Amino acid sequence: MENSRVPKRAPTSVNVTVGRRSREYLTEREVERLIETAKQNRSGHRDATAILVAYRHGLRASELVALRWDDIDLTTGRLHVRRTKAGDASVHPISAREIRALRKLLGSAKIALCLHL
């Protein structure tokens, strides 16, 4: 018979990656799933575009939120990235998928601006 006064012990977890680092990046498939999930909320296109741009250009969160529209040249397909943590600023090419997403986002931003005036 079990003694009900003895507290039950929580199971212990075992770290199976002792001595090794686990994977610290997302695969392209995982990012695509994240983008599709992000599209389902109220600001879905904006969030999905932010995820796509951050993934494609290896941006930190602070670098992503510091982006301005004048950092993006949709006609030449270039993105100016100001790096944080003593990184060097650089210019990155933008893919056709990113250009389409950014143009759509810019169009909705202009509409929103007109509505607020």
PDB file of N, CA and C in Angstrom:
ATOM      1  N   MET A   1       0.841  -1.175   0.000  1.00  0.00           N
ATOM      2  CA  MET A   1       0.000   0.000   0.000  1.00  0.00           C
ATOM      3  C   MET A   1       0.889   1.242   0.000  1.00  0.00           C
ATOM      4  N   GLU A   2       0.495   2.236  -0.819  1.00  0.00           N
ATOM      5  CA  GLU A   2       1.278   3.455  -0.965  1.00  0.00           C
ATOM      6  C   GLU A   2       1.016   4.384   0.208  1.00  0.00           C
ATOM      7  N   ASN A   3       2.074   5.003   0.697  1.00  0.00           N
ATOM      8  CA  ASN A   3       1.956   5.926   1.807  1.00  0.00           C
ATOM      9  C   ASN A   3       1.534   7.287   1.244  1.00  0.00           C
ATOM     10  N   SER A   4       0.353   7.791   1.605  1.00  0.00           N
ATOM     11  CA  SER A   4      -0.163   9.032   1.054  1.00  0.00           C
ATOM     12  C   SER A   4       0.505  10.260   1.665  1.00  0.00           C
ATOM     13  N   ARG A   5       1.272  10.074   2.755  1.00  0.00           N
ATOM     14  CA  ARG A   5       1.934  11.221   3.381  1.00  0.00           C
ATOM     15  C   ARG A   5       3.272  11.555   2.732  1.00  0.00           C
ATOM     16  N   VAL A   6       3.816  10.690   1.939  1.00  0.00           N
ATOM     17  CA  VAL A   6       5.086  10.933   1.272  1.00  0.00           C
ATOM     18  C   VAL A   6       4.799  11.711  -0.012  1.00  0.00           C
ATOM     19  N   PRO A   7       5.399  12.897  -0.150  1.00  0.00           N
ATOM     20  CA  PRO A   7       5.130  13.682  -1.364  1.00  0.00           C
ATOM     21  C   PRO A   7       5.684  12.982  -2.600  1.00  0.00           C
ATOM     22  N   LYS A   8       4.948  13.117  -3.680  1.00  0.00           N
ATOM     23  CA  LYS A   8       5.391  12.523  -4.941  1.00  0.00           C
ATOM     24  C   LYS A   8       6.483  13.396  -5.530  1.00  0.00           C
ATOM     25  N   ARG A   9       7.495  12.779  -6.096  1.00  0.00           N
ATOM     26  CA  ARG A   9       8.601  13.507  -6.698  1.00  0.00           C
ATOM     27  C   ARG A   9       8.294  13.753  -8.170  1.00  0.00           C
ATOM     28  N   ALA A  10       8.633  14.933  -8.607  1.00  0.00           N
ATOM     29  CA  ALA A  10       8.460  15.269 -10.022  1.00  0.00           C
ATOM     30  C   ALA A  10       9.490  14.509 -10.839  1.00  0.00           C
ATOM     31  N   PRO A  11       9.115  14.086 -12.014  1.00  0.00           N
ATOM     32  CA  PRO A  11      10.097  13.386 -12.854  1.00  0.00           C
ATOM     33  C   PRO A  11      11.223  14.336 -13.230  1.00  0.00           C
ATOM     34  N   THR A  12      12.401  13.800 -13.291  1.00  0.00           N
ATOM     35  CA  THR A  12      13.552  14.626 -13.662  1.00  0.00           C
ATOM     36  C   THR A  12      13.724  14.577 -15.173  1.00  0.00           C
ATOM     37  N   SER A  13      14.168  15.678 -15.732  1.00  0.00           N
ATOM     38  CA  SER A  13      14.407  15.703 -17.175  1.00  0.00           C
ATOM     39  C   SER A  13      15.882  15.475 -17.431  1.00  0.00           C
ATOM     40  N   VAL A  14      16.163  14.930 -18.558  1.00  0.00           N
ATOM     41  CA  VAL A  14      17.541  14.637 -18.935  1.00  0.00           C
ATOM     42  C   VAL A  14      17.862  15.447 -20.178  1.00  0.00           C
ATOM     43  N   ASN A  15      18.942  16.199 -20.137  1.00  0.00           N
ATOM     44  CA  ASN A  15      19.376  16.958 -21.296  1.00  0.00           C
ATOM     45  C   ASN A  15      20.169  16.027 -22.192  1.00  0.00           C
ATOM     46  N   VAL A  16      19.595  15.722 -23.348  1.00  0.00           N
ATOM     47  CA  VAL A  16      20.248  14.772 -24.253  1.00  0.00           C
ATOM     48  C   VAL A  16      21.331  15.430 -25.094  1.00  0.00           C
ATOM     49  N   THR A  17      21.460  16.762 -25.013  1.00  0.00           N
ATOM     50  CA  THR A  17      22.481  17.440 -25.809  1.00  0.00           C
ATOM     51  C   THR A  17      23.654  17.895 -24.946  1.00  0.00           C
ATOM     52  N   VAL A  18      23.902  17.193 -23.871  1.00  0.00           N
ATOM     53  CA  VAL A  18      25.024  17.548 -23.005  1.00  0.00           C
ATOM     54  C   VAL A  18      26.311  17.452 -23.811  1.00  0.00           C
ATOM     55  N   GLY A  19      27.083  18.519 -23.765  1.00  0.00           N
ATOM     56  CA  GLY A  19      28.337  18.513 -24.494  1.00  0.00           C
ATOM     57  C   GLY A  19      28.205  18.960 -25.940  1.00  0.00           C
ATOM     58  N   ARG A  20      26.990  19.097 -26.449  1.00  0.00           N
ATOM     59  CA  ARG A  20      26.767  19.550 -27.824  1.00  0.00           C
ATOM     60  C   ARG A  20      25.785  20.710 -27.796  1.00  0.00           C
ATOM     61  N   ARG A  21      25.880  21.579 -28.762  1.00  0.00           N
ATOM     62  CA  ARG A  21      24.906  22.660 -28.893  1.00  0.00           C
ATOM     63  C   ARG A  21      23.763  22.163 -29.752  1.00  0.00           C
ATOM     64  N   SER A  22      22.564  22.512 -29.337  1.00  0.00           N
ATOM     65  CA  SER A  22      21.426  22.150 -30.163  1.00  0.00           C
ATOM     66  C   SER A  22      21.322  23.143 -31.325  1.00  0.00           C
ATOM     67  N   ARG A  23      20.517  22.845 -32.281  1.00  0.00           N
ATOM     68  CA  ARG A  23      20.318  23.710 -33.445  1.00  0.00           C
ATOM     69  C   ARG A  23      19.750  25.042 -32.996  1.00  0.00           C
ATOM     70  N   GLU A  24      20.347  26.147 -33.447  1.00  0.00           N
ATOM     71  CA  GLU A  24      19.926  27.478 -33.024  1.00  0.00           C
ATOM     72  C   GLU A  24      19.417  28.306 -34.199  1.00  0.00           C
ATOM     73  N   TYR A  25      18.824  27.661 -35.162  1.00  0.00           N
ATOM     74  CA  TYR A  25      18.292  28.367 -36.318  1.00  0.00           C
ATOM     75  C   TYR A  25      17.027  27.670 -36.782  1.00  0.00           C
ATOM     76  N   LEU A  26      16.247  28.376 -37.584  1.00  0.00           N
ATOM     77  CA  LEU A  26      15.041  27.790 -38.157  1.00  0.00           C
ATOM     78  C   LEU A  26      15.334  27.325 -39.573  1.00  0.00           C
ATOM     79  N   THR A  27      14.724  26.221 -39.959  1.00  0.00           N
ATOM     80  CA  THR A  27      14.854  25.765 -41.337  1.00  0.00           C
ATOM     81  C   THR A  27      13.913  26.582 -42.210  1.00  0.00           C
ATOM     82  N   GLU A  28      14.114  26.522 -43.511  1.00  0.00           N
ATOM     83  CA  GLU A  28      13.249  27.265 -44.432  1.00  0.00           C
ATOM     84  C   GLU A  28      11.803  26.798 -44.301  1.00  0.00           C
ATOM     85  N   ARG A  29      11.611  25.513 -44.117  1.00  0.00           N
ATOM     86  CA  ARG A  29      10.249  24.969 -43.944  1.00  0.00           C
ATOM     87  C   ARG A  29       9.595  25.517 -42.675  1.00  0.00           C
ATOM     88  N   GLU A  30      10.344  25.594 -41.592  1.00  0.00           N
ATOM     89  CA  GLU A  30       9.817  26.144 -40.342  1.00  0.00           C
ATOM     90  C   GLU A  30       9.455  27.620 -40.492  1.00  0.00           C
ATOM     91  N   VAL A  31      10.260  28.357 -41.224  1.00  0.00           N
ATOM     92  CA  VAL A  31       9.979  29.775 -41.456  1.00  0.00           C
ATOM     93  C   VAL A  31       8.714  29.920 -42.299  1.00  0.00           C
ATOM     94  N   GLU A  32       8.554  29.084 -43.313  1.00  0.00           N
ATOM     95  CA  GLU A  32       7.341  29.131 -44.140  1.00  0.00           C
ATOM     96  C   GLU A  32       6.093  28.851 -43.300  1.00  0.00           C
ATOM     97  N   ARG A  33       6.182  27.899 -42.402  1.00  0.00           N
ATOM     98  CA  ARG A  33       5.049  27.610 -41.510  1.00  0.00           C
ATOM     99  C   ARG A  33       4.766  28.787 -40.583  1.00  0.00           C
ATOM    100  N   LEU A  34       5.827  29.431 -40.110  1.00  0.00           N
ATOM    101  CA  LEU A  34       5.679  30.606 -39.249  1.00  0.00           C
ATOM    102  C   LEU A  34       5.018  31.752 -40.011  1.00  0.00           C
ATOM    103  N   ILE A  35       5.414  31.959 -41.251  1.00  0.00           N
ATOM    104  CA  ILE A  35       4.830  33.006 -42.090  1.00  0.00           C
ATOM    105  C   ILE A  35       3.346  32.728 -42.333  1.00  0.00           C
ATOM    106  N   GLU A  36       3.013  31.500 -42.669  1.00  0.00           N
ATOM    107  CA  GLU A  36       1.606  31.142 -42.905  1.00  0.00           C
ATOM    108  C   GLU A  36       0.761  31.340 -41.653  1.00  0.00           C
ATOM    109  N   THR A  37       1.308  31.009 -40.502  1.00  0.00           N
ATOM    110  CA  THR A  37       0.590  31.212 -39.238  1.00  0.00           C
ATOM    111  C   THR A  37       0.419  32.692 -38.944  1.00  0.00           C
ATOM    112  N   ALA A  38       1.450  33.480 -39.216  1.00  0.00           N
ATOM    113  CA  ALA A  38       1.395  34.924 -38.961  1.00  0.00           C
ATOM    114  C   ALA A  38       0.327  35.592 -39.815  1.00  0.00           C
ATOM    115  N   LYS A  39       0.076  35.084 -41.011  1.00  0.00           N
ATOM    116  CA  LYS A  39      -0.914  35.669 -41.920  1.00  0.00           C
ATOM    117  C   LYS A  39      -2.340  35.578 -41.370  1.00  0.00           C
ATOM    118  N   GLN A  40      -2.551  34.759 -40.376  1.00  0.00           N
ATOM    119  CA  GLN A  40      -3.903  34.519 -39.872  1.00  0.00           C
ATOM    120  C   GLN A  40      -4.377  35.552 -38.858  1.00  0.00           C
ATOM    121  N   ASN A  41      -3.520  36.459 -38.418  1.00  0.00           N
ATOM    122  CA  ASN A  41      -3.970  37.438 -37.436  1.00  0.00           C
ATOM    123  C   ASN A  41      -4.397  38.736 -38.128  1.00  0.00           C
ATOM    124  N   ARG A  42      -4.801  39.713 -37.358  1.00  0.00           N
ATOM    125  CA  ARG A  42      -5.331  40.971 -37.894  1.00  0.00           C
ATOM    126  C   ARG A  42      -4.323  41.719 -38.767  1.00  0.00           C
ATOM    127  N   SER A  43      -3.090  41.746 -38.368  1.00  0.00           N
ATOM    128  CA  SER A  43      -2.029  42.407 -39.134  1.00  0.00           C
ATOM    129  C   SER A  43      -1.156  41.362 -39.808  1.00  0.00           C
ATOM    130  N   GLY A  44      -1.787  40.373 -40.363  1.00  0.00           N
ATOM    131  CA  GLY A  44      -1.092  39.201 -40.876  1.00  0.00           C
ATOM    132  C   GLY A  44      -0.074  39.483 -41.959  1.00  0.00           C
ATOM    133  N   HIS A  45      -0.441  40.313 -42.947  1.00  0.00           N
ATOM    134  CA  HIS A  45       0.504  40.562 -44.035  1.00  0.00           C
ATOM    135  C   HIS A  45       1.734  41.302 -43.519  1.00  0.00           C
ATOM    136  N   ARG A  46       1.520  42.283 -42.648  1.00  0.00           N
ATOM    137  CA  ARG A  46       2.650  43.025 -42.074  1.00  0.00           C
ATOM    138  C   ARG A  46       3.577  42.096 -41.312  1.00  0.00           C
ATOM    139  N   ASP A  47       3.003  41.256 -40.458  1.00  0.00           N
ATOM    140  CA  ASP A  47       3.809  40.344 -39.642  1.00  0.00           C
ATOM    141  C   ASP A  47       4.546  39.319 -40.508  1.00  0.00           C
ATOM    142  N   ALA A  48       3.839  38.777 -41.508  1.00  0.00           N
ATOM    143  CA  ALA A  48       4.462  37.782 -42.392  1.00  0.00           C
ATOM    144  C   ALA A  48       5.611  38.411 -43.173  1.00  0.00           C
ATOM    145  N   THR A  49       5.436  39.655 -43.624  1.00  0.00           N
ATOM    146  CA  THR A  49       6.497  40.346 -44.357  1.00  0.00           C
ATOM    147  C   THR A  49       7.694  40.601 -43.449  1.00  0.00           C
ATOM    148  N   ALA A  50       7.437  40.991 -42.210  1.00  0.00           N
ATOM    149  CA  ALA A  50       8.531  41.228 -41.256  1.00  0.00           C
ATOM    150  C   ALA A  50       9.316  39.944 -41.009  1.00  0.00           C
ATOM    151  N   ILE A  51       8.636  38.839 -40.868  1.00  0.00           N
ATOM    152  CA  ILE A  51       9.306  37.552 -40.649  1.00  0.00           C
ATOM    153  C   ILE A  51      10.151  37.190 -41.868  1.00  0.00           C
ATOM    154  N   LEU A  52       9.580  37.364 -43.062  1.00  0.00           N
ATOM    155  CA  LEU A  52      10.292  37.046 -44.296  1.00  0.00           C
ATOM    156  C   LEU A  52      11.563  37.889 -44.437  1.00  0.00           C
ATOM    157  N   VAL A  53      11.443  39.188 -44.235  1.00  0.00           N
ATOM    158  CA  VAL A  53      12.597  40.088 -44.374  1.00  0.00           C
ATOM    159  C   VAL A  53      13.651  39.776 -43.311  1.00  0.00           C
ATOM    160  N   ALA A  54      13.225  39.575 -42.084  1.00  0.00           N
ATOM    161  CA  ALA A  54      14.177  39.272 -41.004  1.00  0.00           C
ATOM    162  C   ALA A  54      14.927  37.967 -41.289  1.00  0.00           C
ATOM    163  N   TYR A  55      14.205  36.959 -41.766  1.00  0.00           N
ATOM    164  CA  TYR A  55      14.839  35.664 -42.053  1.00  0.00           C
ATOM    165  C   TYR A  55      15.807  35.769 -43.225  1.00  0.00           C
ATOM    166  N   ARG A  56      15.379  36.392 -44.307  1.00  0.00           N
ATOM    167  CA  ARG A  56      16.201  36.460 -45.509  1.00  0.00           C
ATOM    168  C   ARG A  56      17.479  37.264 -45.317  1.00  0.00           C
ATOM    169  N   HIS A  57      17.433  38.255 -44.416  1.00  0.00           N
ATOM    170  CA  HIS A  57      18.585  39.134 -44.250  1.00  0.00           C
ATOM    171  C   HIS A  57      19.294  38.952 -42.914  1.00  0.00           C
ATOM    172  N   GLY A  58      18.850  37.973 -42.113  1.00  0.00           N
ATOM    173  CA  GLY A  58      19.512  37.683 -40.842  1.00  0.00           C
ATOM    174  C   GLY A  58      19.444  38.844 -39.875  1.00  0.00           C
ATOM    175  N   LEU A  59      18.274  39.493 -39.800  1.00  0.00           N
ATOM    176  CA  LEU A  59      18.142  40.667 -38.956  1.00  0.00           C
ATOM    177  C   LEU A  59      17.813  40.307 -37.516  1.00  0.00           C
ATOM    178  N   ARG A  60      18.408  41.028 -36.597  1.00  0.00           N
ATOM    179  CA  ARG A  60      17.996  40.958 -35.194  1.00  0.00           C
ATOM    180  C   ARG A  60      16.678  41.722 -35.077  1.00  0.00           C
ATOM    181  N   ALA A  61      15.954  41.493 -33.999  1.00  0.00           N
ATOM    182  CA  ALA A  61      14.677  42.188 -33.793  1.00  0.00           C
ATOM    183  C   ALA A  61      14.882  43.699 -33.803  1.00  0.00           C
ATOM    184  N   SER A  62      15.931  44.181 -33.147  1.00  0.00           N
ATOM    185  CA  SER A  62      16.180  45.624 -33.096  1.00  0.00           C
ATOM    186  C   SER A  62      16.503  46.186 -34.479  1.00  0.00           C
ATOM    187  N   GLU A  63      17.162  45.412 -35.325  1.00  0.00           N
ATOM    188  CA  GLU A  63      17.469  45.856 -36.682  1.00  0.00           C
ATOM    189  C   GLU A  63      16.209  45.886 -37.540  1.00  0.00           C
ATOM    190  N   LEU A  64      15.344  44.923 -37.324  1.00  0.00           N
ATOM    191  CA  LEU A  64      14.086  44.863 -38.071  1.00  0.00           C
ATOM    192  C   LEU A  64      13.199  46.061 -37.749  1.00  0.00           C
ATOM    193  N   VAL A  65      13.017  46.351 -36.475  1.00  0.00           N
ATOM    194  CA  VAL A  65      12.120  47.453 -36.103  1.00  0.00           C
ATOM    195  C   VAL A  65      12.744  48.815 -36.409  1.00  0.00           C
ATOM    196  N   ALA A  66      14.052  48.870 -36.633  1.00  0.00           N
ATOM    197  CA  ALA A  66      14.715  50.129 -36.974  1.00  0.00           C
ATOM    198  C   ALA A  66      14.633  50.440 -38.470  1.00  0.00           C
ATOM    199  N   LEU A  67      14.154  49.473 -39.281  1.00  0.00           N
ATOM    200  CA  LEU A  67      14.036  49.716 -40.715  1.00  0.00           C
ATOM    201  C   LEU A  67      13.036  50.835 -40.980  1.00  0.00           C
ATOM    202  N   ARG A  68      13.379  51.663 -41.961  1.00  0.00           N
ATOM    203  CA  ARG A  68      12.485  52.735 -42.397  1.00  0.00           C
ATOM    204  C   ARG A  68      12.224  52.548 -43.891  1.00  0.00           C
ATOM    205  N   TRP A  69      11.160  53.156 -44.383  1.00  0.00           N
ATOM    206  CA  TRP A  69      10.834  53.011 -45.791  1.00  0.00           C
ATOM    207  C   TRP A  69      11.952  53.551 -46.675  1.00  0.00           C
ATOM    208  N   ASP A  70      12.677  54.566 -46.209  1.00  0.00           N
ATOM    209  CA  ASP A  70      13.760  55.086 -47.047  1.00  0.00           C
ATOM    210  C   ASP A  70      14.993  54.173 -47.057  1.00  0.00           C
ATOM    211  N   ASP A  71      14.988  53.098 -46.259  1.00  0.00           N
ATOM    212  CA  ASP A  71      16.045  52.080 -46.314  1.00  0.00           C
ATOM    213  C   ASP A  71      15.783  51.069 -47.432  1.00  0.00           C
ATOM    214  N   ILE A  72      14.581  51.121 -48.002  1.00  0.00           N
ATOM    215  CA  ILE A  72      14.156  50.131 -48.993  1.00  0.00           C
ATOM    216  C   ILE A  72      14.009  50.815 -50.344  1.00  0.00           C
ATOM    217  N   ASP A  73      14.726  50.319 -51.340  1.00  0.00           N
ATOM    218  CA  ASP A  73      14.602  50.840 -52.697  1.00  0.00           C
ATOM    219  C   ASP A  73      13.979  49.737 -53.550  1.00  0.00           C
ATOM    220  N   LEU A  74      12.677  49.861 -53.760  1.00  0.00           N
ATOM    221  CA  LEU A  74      11.957  48.823 -54.492  1.00  0.00           C
ATOM    222  C   LEU A  74      12.271  48.840 -55.981  1.00  0.00           C
ATOM    223  N   THR A  75      12.693  49.973 -56.524  1.00  0.00           N
ATOM    224  CA  THR A  75      12.994  50.030 -57.958  1.00  0.00           C
ATOM    225  C   THR A  75      14.288  49.297 -58.296  1.00  0.00           C
ATOM    226  N   THR A  76      15.282  49.385 -57.423  1.00  0.00           N
ATOM    227  CA  THR A  76      16.545  48.675 -57.673  1.00  0.00           C
ATOM    228  C   THR A  76      16.638  47.362 -56.903  1.00  0.00           C
ATOM    229  N   GLY A  77      15.680  47.123 -56.010  1.00  0.00           N
ATOM    230  CA  GLY A  77      15.684  45.887 -55.238  1.00  0.00           C
ATOM    231  C   GLY A  77      16.808  45.822 -54.226  1.00  0.00           C
ATOM    232  N   ARG A  78      16.996  46.907 -53.483  1.00  0.00           N
ATOM    233  CA  ARG A  78      18.069  46.970 -52.484  1.00  0.00           C
ATOM    234  C   ARG A  78      17.516  47.352 -51.119  1.00  0.00           C
ATOM    235  N   LEU A  79      18.121  46.786 -50.084  1.00  0.00           N
ATOM    236  CA  LEU A  79      17.753  47.061 -48.700  1.00  0.00           C
ATOM    237  C   LEU A  79      18.998  47.516 -47.955  1.00  0.00           C
ATOM    238  N   HIS A  80      18.946  48.697 -47.363  1.00  0.00           N
ATOM    239  CA  HIS A  80      20.064  49.202 -46.570  1.00  0.00           C
ATOM    240  C   HIS A  80      19.857  48.741 -45.128  1.00  0.00           C
ATOM    241  N   VAL A  81      20.810  47.996 -44.592  1.00  0.00           N
ATOM    242  CA  VAL A  81      20.709  47.444 -43.238  1.00  0.00           C
ATOM    243  C   VAL A  81      21.739  48.112 -42.340  1.00  0.00           C
ATOM    244  N   ARG A  82      21.255  48.739 -41.276  1.00  0.00           N
ATOM    245  CA  ARG A  82      22.147  49.300 -40.251  1.00  0.00           C
ATOM    246  C   ARG A  82      22.257  48.262 -39.144  1.00  0.00           C
ATOM    247  N   ARG A  83      23.417  47.664 -39.020  1.00  0.00           N
ATOM    248  CA  ARG A  83      23.631  46.606 -38.032  1.00  0.00           C
ATOM    249  C   ARG A  83      23.845  47.181 -36.633  1.00  0.00           C
ATOM    250  N   THR A  84      23.417  46.414 -35.641  1.00  0.00           N
ATOM    251  CA  THR A  84      23.668  46.763 -34.246  1.00  0.00           C
ATOM    252  C   THR A  84      24.835  45.925 -33.745  1.00  0.00           C
ATOM    253  N   LYS A  85      25.202  46.129 -32.520  1.00  0.00           N
ATOM    254  CA  LYS A  85      26.298  45.378 -31.883  1.00  0.00           C
ATOM    255  C   LYS A  85      27.604  45.464 -32.689  1.00  0.00           C
ATOM    256  N   ALA A  86      27.983  46.673 -33.040  1.00  0.00           N
ATOM    257  CA  ALA A  86      29.246  46.953 -33.729  1.00  0.00           C
ATOM    258  C   ALA A  86      29.348  46.284 -35.098  1.00  0.00           C
ATOM    259  N   GLY A  87      28.214  45.971 -35.704  1.00  0.00           N
ATOM    260  CA  GLY A  87      28.238  45.406 -37.047  1.00  0.00           C
ATOM    261  C   GLY A  87      28.349  46.503 -38.084  1.00  0.00           C
ATOM    262  N   ASP A  88      28.761  46.145 -39.282  1.00  0.00           N
ATOM    263  CA  ASP A  88      28.905  47.109 -40.366  1.00  0.00           C
ATOM    264  C   ASP A  88      27.605  47.211 -41.155  1.00  0.00           C
ATOM    265  N   ALA A  89      27.217  48.436 -41.490  1.00  0.00           N
ATOM    266  CA  ALA A  89      26.053  48.641 -42.339  1.00  0.00           C
ATOM    267  C   ALA A  89      26.346  48.040 -43.712  1.00  0.00           C
ATOM    268  N   SER A  90      25.293  47.560 -44.367  1.00  0.00           N
ATOM    269  CA  SER A  90      25.485  46.957 -45.677  1.00  0.00           C
ATOM    270  C   SER A  90      24.217  47.106 -46.509  1.00  0.00           C
ATOM    271  N   VAL A  91      24.352  46.832 -47.790  1.00  0.00           N
ATOM    272  CA  VAL A  91      23.221  46.877 -48.714  1.00  0.00           C
ATOM    273  C   VAL A  91      22.975  45.455 -49.199  1.00  0.00           C
ATOM    274  N   HIS A  92      21.721  45.008 -49.100  1.00  0.00           N
ATOM    275  CA  HIS A  92      21.362  43.644 -49.475  1.00  0.00           C
ATOM    276  C   HIS A  92      20.410  43.671 -50.667  1.00  0.00           C
ATOM    277  N   PRO A  93      20.519  42.701 -51.562  1.00  0.00           N
ATOM    278  CA  PRO A  93      19.520  42.586 -52.623  1.00  0.00           C
ATOM    279  C   PRO A  93      18.215  42.036 -52.046  1.00  0.00           C
ATOM    280  N   ILE A  94      17.102  42.502 -52.586  1.00  0.00           N
ATOM    281  CA  ILE A  94      15.781  42.051 -52.126  1.00  0.00           C
ATOM    282  C   ILE A  94      15.219  41.104 -53.187  1.00  0.00           C
ATOM    283  N   SER A  95      14.669  39.976 -52.758  1.00  0.00           N
ATOM    284  CA  SER A  95      14.091  39.011 -53.696  1.00  0.00           C
ATOM    285  C   SER A  95      12.760  39.537 -54.246  1.00  0.00           C
ATOM    286  N   ALA A  96      12.334  38.944 -55.349  1.00  0.00           N
ATOM    287  CA  ALA A  96      11.064  39.339 -55.973  1.00  0.00           C
ATOM    288  C   ALA A  96       9.900  39.129 -55.005  1.00  0.00           C
ATOM    289  N   ARG A  97       9.946  38.063 -54.245  1.00  0.00           N
ATOM    290  CA  ARG A  97       8.884  37.789 -53.257  1.00  0.00           C
ATOM    291  C   ARG A  97       8.826  38.893 -52.208  1.00  0.00           C
ATOM    292  N   GLU A  98       9.989  39.327 -51.749  1.00  0.00           N
ATOM    293  CA  GLU A  98      10.034  40.406 -50.759  1.00  0.00           C
ATOM    294  C   GLU A  98       9.528  41.711 -51.364  1.00  0.00           C
ATOM    295  N   ILE A  99       9.903  41.998 -52.609  1.00  0.00           N
ATOM    296  CA  ILE A  99       9.461  43.228 -53.266  1.00  0.00           C
ATOM    297  C   ILE A  99       7.938  43.251 -53.376  1.00  0.00           C
ATOM    298  N   ARG A 100       7.342  42.132 -53.782  1.00  0.00           N
ATOM    299  CA  ARG A 100       5.875  42.074 -53.883  1.00  0.00           C
ATOM    300  C   ARG A 100       5.221  42.312 -52.531  1.00  0.00           C
ATOM    301  N   ALA A 101       5.743  41.667 -51.495  1.00  0.00           N
ATOM    302  CA  ALA A 101       5.177  41.810 -50.152  1.00  0.00           C
ATOM    303  C   ALA A 101       5.339  43.232 -49.637  1.00  0.00           C
ATOM    304  N   LEU A 102       6.507  43.828 -49.880  1.00  0.00           N
ATOM    305  CA  LEU A 102       6.757  45.197 -49.405  1.00  0.00           C
ATOM    306  C   LEU A 102       5.901  46.212 -50.165  1.00  0.00           C
ATOM    307  N   ARG A 103       5.713  46.015 -51.473  1.00  0.00           N
ATOM    308  CA  ARG A 103       4.851  46.921 -52.250  1.00  0.00           C
ATOM    309  C   ARG A 103       3.416  46.876 -51.735  1.00  0.00           C
ATOM    310  N   LYS A 104       2.940  45.680 -51.458  1.00  0.00           N
ATOM    311  CA  LYS A 104       1.581  45.534 -50.916  1.00  0.00           C
ATOM    312  C   LYS A 104       1.484  46.224 -49.556  1.00  0.00           C
ATOM    313  N   LEU A 105       2.490  46.050 -48.734  1.00  0.00           N
ATOM    314  CA  LEU A 105       2.513  46.671 -47.415  1.00  0.00           C
ATOM    315  C   LEU A 105       2.586  48.191 -47.532  1.00  0.00           C
ATOM    316  N   LEU A 106       3.388  48.694 -48.448  1.00  0.00           N
ATOM    317  CA  LEU A 106       3.501  50.135 -48.661  1.00  0.00           C
ATOM    318  C   LEU A 106       2.173  50.715 -49.141  1.00  0.00           C
ATOM    319  N   GLY A 107       1.497  49.998 -50.030  1.00  0.00           N
ATOM    320  CA  GLY A 107       0.192  50.449 -50.516  1.00  0.00           C
ATOM    321  C   GLY A 107      -0.824  50.555 -49.396  1.00  0.00           C
ATOM    322  N   SER A 108      -0.854  49.568 -48.514  1.00  0.00           N
ATOM    323  CA  SER A 108      -1.806  49.620 -47.395  1.00  0.00           C
ATOM    324  C   SER A 108      -1.407  50.688 -46.383  1.00  0.00           C
ATOM    325  N   ALA A 109      -0.106  50.967 -46.255  1.00  0.00           N
ATOM    326  CA  ALA A 109       0.345  52.024 -45.346  1.00  0.00           C
ATOM    327  C   ALA A 109      -0.084  53.388 -45.873  1.00  0.00           C
ATOM    328  N   LYS A 110      -0.014  53.581 -47.183  1.00  0.00           N
ATOM    329  CA  LYS A 110      -0.441  54.849 -47.786  1.00  0.00           C
ATOM    330  C   LYS A 110      -1.944  55.043 -47.623  1.00  0.00           C
ATOM    331  N   ILE A 111      -2.703  53.984 -47.779  1.00  0.00           N
ATOM    332  CA  ILE A 111      -4.162  54.067 -47.598  1.00  0.00           C
ATOM    333  C   ILE A 111      -4.473  54.427 -46.150  1.00  0.00           C
ATOM    334  N   ALA A 112      -3.783  53.793 -45.216  1.00  0.00           N
ATOM    335  CA  ALA A 112      -4.019  54.070 -43.805  1.00  0.00           C
ATOM    336  C   ALA A 112      -3.664  55.517 -43.476  1.00  0.00           C
ATOM    337  N   LEU A 113      -2.600  56.031 -44.077  1.00  0.00           N
ATOM    338  CA  LEU A 113      -2.197  57.408 -43.855  1.00  0.00           C
ATOM    339  C   LEU A 113      -3.256  58.370 -44.376  1.00  0.00           C
ATOM    340  N   CYS A 114      -3.811  58.099 -45.535  1.00  0.00           N
ATOM    341  CA  CYS A 114      -4.859  58.952 -46.108  1.00  0.00           C
ATOM    342  C   CYS A 114      -6.110  58.957 -45.229  1.00  0.00           C
ATOM    343  N   LEU A 115      -6.421  57.833 -44.633  1.00  0.00           N
ATOM    344  CA  LEU A 115      -7.613  57.736 -43.784  1.00  0.00           C
ATOM    345  C   LEU A 115      -7.449  58.543 -42.503  1.00  0.00           C
ATOM    346  N   HIS A 116      -6.212  58.685 -42.038  1.00  0.00           N
ATOM    347  CA  HIS A 116      -5.955  59.401 -40.782  1.00  0.00           C
ATOM    348  C   HIS A 116      -5.807  60.909 -40.988  1.00  0.00           C
ATOM    349  N   LEU A 117      -5.690  61.372 -42.214  1.00  0.00           N
ATOM    350  CA  LEU A 117      -5.509  62.807 -42.471  1.00  0.00           C
ATOM    351  C   LEU A 117      -6.781  63.574 -42.367  1.00  0.00           C
TER     352      LEU A 117
END
